[in-house]
């Protein structure tokens, strides 16, 4: 079931990084806000993947 962790980790990390780049860093994917939001999104993705795995599998 590690595939669920990986998919949610990558999906939320990429989504939050894109949001940081678009909203705060003027398109810079390696800016401070983008990296910070990517880290937060990745941690959130791991937590959501854990909860999905716990309740549905």
Protein backbone atom coordinates (compact mmCIF):
# COMPACT_ATOMS: atom_id res chain seq x y z
CA UNK A 1 0.00 0.00 0.00
CA UNK A 2 2.97 2.32 -0.24
CA UNK A 3 1.77 3.39 -3.67
CA UNK A 4 -1.00 5.39 -1.96
CA UNK A 5 1.59 7.27 0.10
CA UNK A 6 3.67 7.95 -2.99
CA UNK A 7 0.78 9.17 -5.11
CA UNK A 8 -0.61 11.47 -2.42
CA UNK A 9 2.91 12.71 -1.55
CA UNK A 10 3.68 13.61 -5.15
CA UNK A 11 0.23 14.98 -5.98
CA UNK A 12 -0.06 17.30 -2.97
CA UNK A 13 3.60 18.34 -3.13
CA UNK A 14 3.32 19.30 -6.79
CA UNK A 15 -0.04 21.01 -6.34
CA UNK A 16 1.15 23.14 -3.43
CA UNK A 17 4.41 23.97 -5.21
CA UNK A 18 2.46 25.12 -8.26
CA UNK A 19 0.20 27.25 -6.05
CA UNK A 20 3.23 28.85 -4.42
CA UNK A 21 4.82 29.55 -7.79
CA UNK A 22 1.67 31.03 -9.29
CA UNK A 23 0.35 33.00 -6.34
CA UNK A 24 3.45 34.29 -4.56
CA UNK A 25 6.65 33.78 -6.59
CA UNK A 26 5.57 35.12 -10.00
CA UNK A 27 6.15 31.82 -11.78
CA UNK A 28 9.42 30.90 -10.08
CA UNK A 29 9.19 27.18 -9.23
CA UNK A 30 12.30 27.35 -7.02
CA UNK A 31 11.33 30.41 -5.01
CA UNK A 32 11.02 30.49 -1.25
CA UNK A 33 7.23 30.37 -1.08
CA UNK A 34 7.08 27.62 -3.66
CA UNK A 35 9.50 25.41 -1.74
CA UNK A 36 7.80 26.12 1.58
CA UNK A 37 4.35 25.28 0.26
CA UNK A 38 5.73 22.20 -1.47
CA UNK A 39 7.07 20.95 1.86
CA UNK A 40 3.76 21.63 3.58
CA UNK A 41 1.85 19.93 0.75
CA UNK A 42 4.11 16.88 0.87
CA UNK A 43 3.60 16.47 4.61
CA UNK A 44 -0.14 16.90 4.14
CA UNK A 45 -0.03 14.31 1.35
CA UNK A 46 1.65 11.78 3.62
CA UNK A 47 -0.96 12.36 6.32
CA UNK A 48 -3.83 12.02 3.85
CA UNK A 49 -2.25 8.90 2.34
CA UNK A 50 -1.97 7.39 5.81
CA UNK A 51 -5.64 8.11 6.56
CA UNK A 52 -6.76 6.68 3.21
CA UNK A 53 -4.71 3.57 3.81
CA UNK A 54 -6.02 3.21 7.36
CA UNK A 55 -9.71 3.57 6.59
CA UNK A 56 -10.07 2.02 3.14
CA UNK A 57 -7.47 -0.75 2.96
